[in-house]
Amino acid sequence: MKSLPWIIAAAGIGVAAYVIATTPQPQYAGTDPDVERAANKTGAWGAKQRISGAGSGVIGKVKEGFGKVTGDETLQGEGLLDQAAGAVKDAAGKAANAVSDTMHDLNRN
């Protein structure tokens, strides 16, 4: 019964990721549809990376905390590595979103 809140939270994150990734973007007159499609794909990839990075960060914090409580230094180290990997994924997602926004802006002008 203790795992039920985690299952509900994971399902909520999955639904949020699906909604973000599949939300249609507005189309503008006078734009190249191929560039818009590429920008949309880049933005969707960035959103997925940011969500994945946040998840890795949370899992890393849980592992690190559990390692501290139990005195397991290996688990603490894994938690720190998971947090670092999450931060890298989040940064990659932010960069992809910035590229997507720039592609949209350049295509509209």
N, C-alpha and C. Protein backbone atom coordinates (compact mmCIF):
# COMPACT_ATOMS: atom_id res chain seq x y z
N MET A 1 0.81 -1.18 0.00
CA MET A 1 0.00 0.00 0.00
C MET A 1 0.86 1.25 0.00
N LYS A 2 2.11 1.14 0.48
CA LYS A 2 2.99 2.31 0.51
C LYS A 2 3.42 2.72 -0.88
N SER A 3 3.38 1.83 -1.83
CA SER A 3 3.82 2.16 -3.19
C SER A 3 2.73 2.82 -4.02
N LEU A 4 1.49 2.83 -3.55
CA LEU A 4 0.40 3.41 -4.32
C LEU A 4 0.62 4.88 -4.66
N PRO A 5 1.06 5.74 -3.71
CA PRO A 5 1.30 7.14 -4.09
C PRO A 5 2.38 7.29 -5.16
N TRP A 6 3.40 6.43 -5.12
CA TRP A 6 4.46 6.49 -6.15
C TRP A 6 3.92 6.09 -7.51
N ILE A 7 3.05 5.09 -7.53
CA ILE A 7 2.46 4.65 -8.79
C ILE A 7 1.57 5.75 -9.36
N ILE A 8 0.79 6.40 -8.50
CA ILE A 8 -0.07 7.49 -8.95
C ILE A 8 0.77 8.65 -9.47
N ALA A 9 1.87 8.98 -8.76
CA ALA A 9 2.75 10.07 -9.19
C ALA A 9 3.39 9.75 -10.53
N ALA A 10 3.85 8.52 -10.71
CA ALA A 10 4.47 8.13 -11.98
C ALA A 10 3.46 8.18 -13.12
N ALA A 11 2.23 7.76 -12.86
CA ALA A 11 1.20 7.83 -13.90
C ALA A 11 0.90 9.27 -14.26
N GLY A 12 0.87 10.15 -13.26
CA GLY A 12 0.64 11.57 -13.53
C GLY A 12 1.75 12.18 -14.36
N ILE A 13 3.00 11.83 -14.05
CA ILE A 13 4.13 12.34 -14.84
C ILE A 13 4.06 11.82 -16.27
N GLY A 14 3.68 10.55 -16.42
CA GLY A 14 3.55 9.99 -17.76
C GLY A 14 2.48 10.69 -18.58
N VAL A 15 1.35 10.97 -17.96
CA VAL A 15 0.27 11.68 -18.65
C VAL A 15 0.71 13.08 -19.03
N ALA A 16 1.39 13.77 -18.11
CA ALA A 16 1.87 15.13 -18.40
C ALA A 16 2.86 15.11 -19.56
N ALA A 17 3.76 14.15 -19.58
CA ALA A 17 4.73 14.05 -20.67
C ALA A 17 4.02 13.80 -22.00
N TYR A 18 3.01 12.95 -22.00
CA TYR A 18 2.27 12.67 -23.22
C TYR A 18 1.56 13.91 -23.73
N VAL A 19 0.91 14.64 -22.82
CA VAL A 19 0.17 15.84 -23.21
C VAL A 19 1.13 16.89 -23.77
N ILE A 20 2.27 17.08 -23.12
CA ILE A 20 3.24 18.07 -23.59
C ILE A 20 3.78 17.68 -24.96
N ALA A 21 4.09 16.40 -25.14
CA ALA A 21 4.71 15.95 -26.38
C ALA A 21 3.74 15.92 -27.56
N THR A 22 2.45 15.77 -27.29
CA THR A 22 1.50 15.62 -28.40
C THR A 22 0.61 16.83 -28.63
N THR A 23 0.82 17.90 -27.89
CA THR A 23 0.01 19.10 -28.07
C THR A 23 0.35 19.73 -29.42
N PRO A 24 -0.63 19.92 -30.29
CA PRO A 24 -0.34 20.52 -31.60
C PRO A 24 0.06 21.98 -31.46
N GLN A 25 1.00 22.39 -32.30
CA GLN A 25 1.47 23.76 -32.30
C GLN A 25 0.74 24.55 -33.38
N PRO A 26 0.54 25.86 -33.18
CA PRO A 26 -0.14 26.66 -34.20
C PRO A 26 0.71 26.80 -35.46
N GLN A 27 0.05 26.83 -36.58
CA GLN A 27 0.73 27.02 -37.86
C GLN A 27 0.53 28.47 -38.30
N TYR A 28 1.56 29.04 -38.86
CA TYR A 28 1.51 30.43 -39.28
C TYR A 28 1.59 30.52 -40.80
N ALA A 29 0.89 31.50 -41.36
CA ALA A 29 0.90 31.70 -42.80
C ALA A 29 2.29 32.17 -43.23
N GLY A 30 2.74 31.72 -44.37
CA GLY A 30 4.02 32.16 -44.91
C GLY A 30 5.21 31.49 -44.28
N THR A 31 5.01 30.36 -43.64
CA THR A 31 6.12 29.64 -43.04
C THR A 31 6.37 28.35 -43.79
N ASP A 32 7.60 27.86 -43.67
CA ASP A 32 7.96 26.59 -44.28
C ASP A 32 7.52 25.46 -43.36
N PRO A 33 6.61 24.60 -43.82
CA PRO A 33 6.10 23.55 -42.94
C PRO A 33 7.19 22.56 -42.49
N ASP A 34 8.21 22.35 -43.32
CA ASP A 34 9.28 21.44 -42.92
C ASP A 34 10.08 21.99 -41.74
N VAL A 35 10.33 23.29 -41.75
CA VAL A 35 11.06 23.91 -40.64
C VAL A 35 10.19 23.89 -39.39
N GLU A 36 8.91 24.16 -39.54
CA GLU A 36 8.00 24.12 -38.39
C GLU A 36 7.95 22.72 -37.80
N ARG A 37 7.89 21.72 -38.67
CA ARG A 37 7.85 20.32 -38.20
C ARG A 37 9.14 19.98 -37.45
N ALA A 38 10.27 20.40 -37.99
CA ALA A 38 11.55 20.14 -37.33
C ALA A 38 11.62 20.86 -35.98
N ALA A 39 11.14 22.10 -35.95
CA ALA A 39 11.14 22.84 -34.70
C ALA A 39 10.23 22.18 -33.67
N ASN A 40 9.09 21.69 -34.11
CA ASN A 40 8.17 21.00 -33.20
C ASN A 40 8.79 19.71 -32.65
N LYS A 41 9.47 18.96 -33.52
CA LYS A 41 10.12 17.73 -33.07
C LYS A 41 11.23 18.04 -32.07
N THR A 42 11.98 19.10 -32.34
CA THR A 42 13.05 19.49 -31.43
C THR A 42 12.48 19.90 -30.08
N GLY A 43 11.40 20.67 -30.11
CA GLY A 43 10.75 21.07 -28.87
C GLY A 43 10.20 19.89 -28.09
N ALA A 44 9.61 18.94 -28.79
CA ALA A 44 9.07 17.75 -28.12
C ALA A 44 10.19 16.93 -27.49
N TRP A 45 11.31 16.78 -28.22
CA TRP A 45 12.45 16.05 -27.68
C TRP A 45 12.97 16.76 -26.43
N GLY A 46 13.04 18.09 -26.49
CA GLY A 46 13.51 18.85 -25.34
C GLY A 46 12.60 18.67 -24.13
N ALA A 47 11.30 18.66 -24.36
CA ALA A 47 10.36 18.47 -23.25
C ALA A 47 10.53 17.09 -22.64
N LYS A 48 10.71 16.09 -23.47
CA LYS A 48 10.91 14.73 -22.96
C LYS A 48 12.19 14.65 -22.13
N GLN A 49 13.26 15.31 -22.60
CA GLN A 49 14.52 15.29 -21.87
C GLN A 49 14.39 15.99 -20.52
N ARG A 50 13.66 17.09 -20.49
CA ARG A 50 13.49 17.83 -19.24
C ARG A 50 12.70 16.99 -18.24
N ILE A 51 11.67 16.29 -18.70
CA ILE A 51 10.87 15.44 -17.81
C ILE A 51 11.71 14.26 -17.32
N SER A 52 12.46 13.66 -18.24
CA SER A 52 13.32 12.55 -17.87
C SER A 52 14.39 13.00 -16.88
N GLY A 53 14.95 14.18 -17.11
CA GLY A 53 15.96 14.71 -16.21
C GLY A 53 15.41 14.97 -14.82
N ALA A 54 14.20 15.50 -14.75
CA ALA A 54 13.57 15.75 -13.46
C ALA A 54 13.33 14.42 -12.72
N GLY A 55 12.89 13.42 -13.47
CA GLY A 55 12.67 12.10 -12.86
C GLY A 55 13.96 11.49 -12.35
N SER A 56 15.03 11.61 -13.13
CA SER A 56 16.32 11.08 -12.69
C SER A 56 16.82 11.81 -11.45
N GLY A 57 16.58 13.12 -11.42
CA GLY A 57 16.99 13.89 -10.26
C GLY A 57 16.27 13.47 -8.99
N VAL A 58 14.96 13.25 -9.11
CA VAL A 58 14.18 12.81 -7.94
C VAL A 58 14.63 11.42 -7.49
N ILE A 59 14.81 10.51 -8.43
CA ILE A 59 15.26 9.17 -8.08
C ILE A 59 16.64 9.23 -7.42
N GLY A 60 17.50 10.11 -7.95
CA GLY A 60 18.83 10.27 -7.37
C GLY A 60 18.77 10.78 -5.94
N LYS A 61 17.89 11.72 -5.68
CA LYS A 61 17.76 12.24 -4.31
C LYS A 61 17.25 11.16 -3.36
N VAL A 62 16.31 10.36 -3.84
CA VAL A 62 15.78 9.27 -3.01
C VAL A 62 16.89 8.27 -2.71
N LYS A 63 17.65 7.89 -3.74
CA LYS A 63 18.75 6.94 -3.53
C LYS A 63 19.79 7.50 -2.57
N GLU A 64 20.14 8.77 -2.76
CA GLU A 64 21.13 9.38 -1.89
C GLU A 64 20.64 9.41 -0.44
N GLY A 65 19.39 9.81 -0.24
CA GLY A 65 18.82 9.84 1.11
C GLY A 65 18.75 8.47 1.74
N PHE A 66 18.33 7.48 0.95
CA PHE A 66 18.25 6.12 1.48
C PHE A 66 19.65 5.61 1.81
N GLY A 67 20.63 5.95 0.97
CA GLY A 67 22.01 5.55 1.24
C GLY A 67 22.55 6.18 2.51
N LYS A 68 22.19 7.44 2.76
CA LYS A 68 22.62 8.10 4.00
C LYS A 68 22.00 7.43 5.23
N VAL A 69 20.71 7.11 5.13
CA VAL A 69 20.01 6.50 6.26
C VAL A 69 20.59 5.13 6.57
N THR A 70 20.86 4.35 5.53
CA THR A 70 21.35 2.99 5.75
C THR A 70 22.86 2.91 5.87
N GLY A 71 23.55 4.01 5.58
CA GLY A 71 25.02 3.99 5.64
C GLY A 71 25.66 3.34 4.43
N ASP A 72 24.92 3.20 3.35
CA ASP A 72 25.42 2.58 2.12
C ASP A 72 26.02 3.65 1.21
N GLU A 73 27.36 3.74 1.22
CA GLU A 73 28.03 4.78 0.44
C GLU A 73 27.89 4.54 -1.06
N THR A 74 27.78 3.30 -1.48
CA THR A 74 27.61 2.99 -2.90
C THR A 74 26.27 3.55 -3.40
N LEU A 75 25.24 3.34 -2.62
CA LEU A 75 23.92 3.84 -2.99
C LEU A 75 23.91 5.37 -2.99
N GLN A 76 24.61 5.98 -2.04
CA GLN A 76 24.73 7.44 -2.03
C GLN A 76 25.39 7.92 -3.31
N GLY A 77 26.46 7.24 -3.72
CA GLY A 77 27.17 7.61 -4.94
C GLY A 77 26.29 7.46 -6.17
N GLU A 78 25.52 6.37 -6.21
CA GLU A 78 24.59 6.18 -7.34
C GLU A 78 23.57 7.31 -7.38
N GLY A 79 23.11 7.71 -6.21
CA GLY A 79 22.15 8.81 -6.15
C GLY A 79 22.73 10.10 -6.68
N LEU A 80 23.96 10.39 -6.32
CA LEU A 80 24.62 11.59 -6.82
C LEU A 80 24.82 11.53 -8.34
N LEU A 81 25.17 10.35 -8.85
CA LEU A 81 25.33 10.19 -10.30
C LEU A 81 24.00 10.36 -11.02
N ASP A 82 22.94 9.82 -10.45
CA ASP A 82 21.61 9.98 -11.05
C ASP A 82 21.20 11.45 -11.08
N GLN A 83 21.51 12.18 -10.00
CA GLN A 83 21.20 13.60 -9.97
C GLN A 83 21.99 14.36 -11.03
N ALA A 84 23.26 14.01 -11.20
CA ALA A 84 24.08 14.67 -12.22
C ALA A 84 23.55 14.36 -13.61
N ALA A 85 23.18 13.11 -13.85
CA ALA A 85 22.62 12.74 -15.15
C ALA A 85 21.31 13.49 -15.40
N GLY A 86 20.51 13.64 -14.37
CA GLY A 86 19.27 14.39 -14.50
C GLY A 86 19.52 15.84 -14.84
N ALA A 87 20.54 16.43 -14.23
CA ALA A 87 20.87 17.83 -14.52
C ALA A 87 21.34 17.99 -15.96
N VAL A 88 22.10 17.02 -16.46
CA VAL A 88 22.56 17.08 -17.85
C VAL A 88 21.39 16.95 -18.81
N LYS A 89 20.48 16.02 -18.54
CA LYS A 89 19.29 15.87 -19.39
C LYS A 89 18.43 17.12 -19.38
N ASP A 90 18.29 17.73 -18.20
CA ASP A 90 17.50 18.96 -18.11
C ASP A 90 18.15 20.07 -18.91
N ALA A 91 19.48 20.19 -18.82
CA ALA A 91 20.18 21.22 -19.59
C ALA A 91 20.05 20.98 -21.09
N ALA A 92 20.13 19.72 -21.51
CA ALA A 92 19.96 19.40 -22.93
C ALA A 92 18.54 19.73 -23.38
N GLY A 93 17.57 19.47 -22.55
CA GLY A 93 16.18 19.79 -22.87
C GLY A 93 15.97 21.29 -22.99
N LYS A 94 16.57 22.06 -22.09
CA LYS A 94 16.47 23.52 -22.16
C LYS A 94 17.10 24.04 -23.45
N ALA A 95 18.26 23.48 -23.80
CA ALA A 95 18.94 23.90 -25.04
C ALA A 95 18.08 23.56 -26.26
N ALA A 96 17.48 22.37 -26.27
CA ALA A 96 16.62 21.98 -27.39
C ALA A 96 15.41 22.90 -27.49
N ASN A 97 14.84 23.26 -26.36
CA ASN A 97 13.70 24.19 -26.39
C ASN A 97 14.11 25.55 -26.91
N ALA A 98 15.30 26.01 -26.55
CA ALA A 98 15.79 27.30 -27.05
C ALA A 98 16.01 27.24 -28.56
N VAL A 99 16.56 26.13 -29.04
CA VAL A 99 16.75 25.95 -30.49
C VAL A 99 15.41 25.92 -31.19
N SER A 100 14.45 25.21 -30.63
CA SER A 100 13.12 25.13 -31.21
C SER A 100 12.47 26.51 -31.31
N ASP A 101 12.57 27.29 -30.24
CA ASP A 101 12.01 28.64 -30.25
C ASP A 101 12.68 29.51 -31.31
N THR A 102 14.00 29.38 -31.42
CA THR A 102 14.74 30.16 -32.42
C THR A 102 14.33 29.74 -33.83
N MET A 103 14.18 28.45 -34.05
CA MET A 103 13.75 27.99 -35.38
C MET A 103 12.37 28.54 -35.72
N HIS A 104 11.47 28.52 -34.76
CA HIS A 104 10.13 29.08 -34.98
C HIS A 104 10.21 30.57 -35.32
N ASP A 105 10.99 31.29 -34.52
CA ASP A 105 11.10 32.75 -34.74
C ASP A 105 11.70 33.06 -36.11
N LEU A 106 12.75 32.37 -36.48
CA LEU A 106 13.39 32.63 -37.77
C LEU A 106 12.49 32.25 -38.94
N ASN A 107 11.71 31.22 -38.77
CA ASN A 107 10.83 30.76 -39.84
C ASN A 107 9.65 31.72 -40.03
N ARG A 108 9.25 32.41 -39.00
CA ARG A 108 8.12 33.31 -39.08
C ARG A 108 8.48 34.67 -39.66
N ASN A 109 9.76 35.00 -39.66
CA ASN A 109 10.19 36.32 -40.17
C ASN A 109 10.53 36.29 -41.62
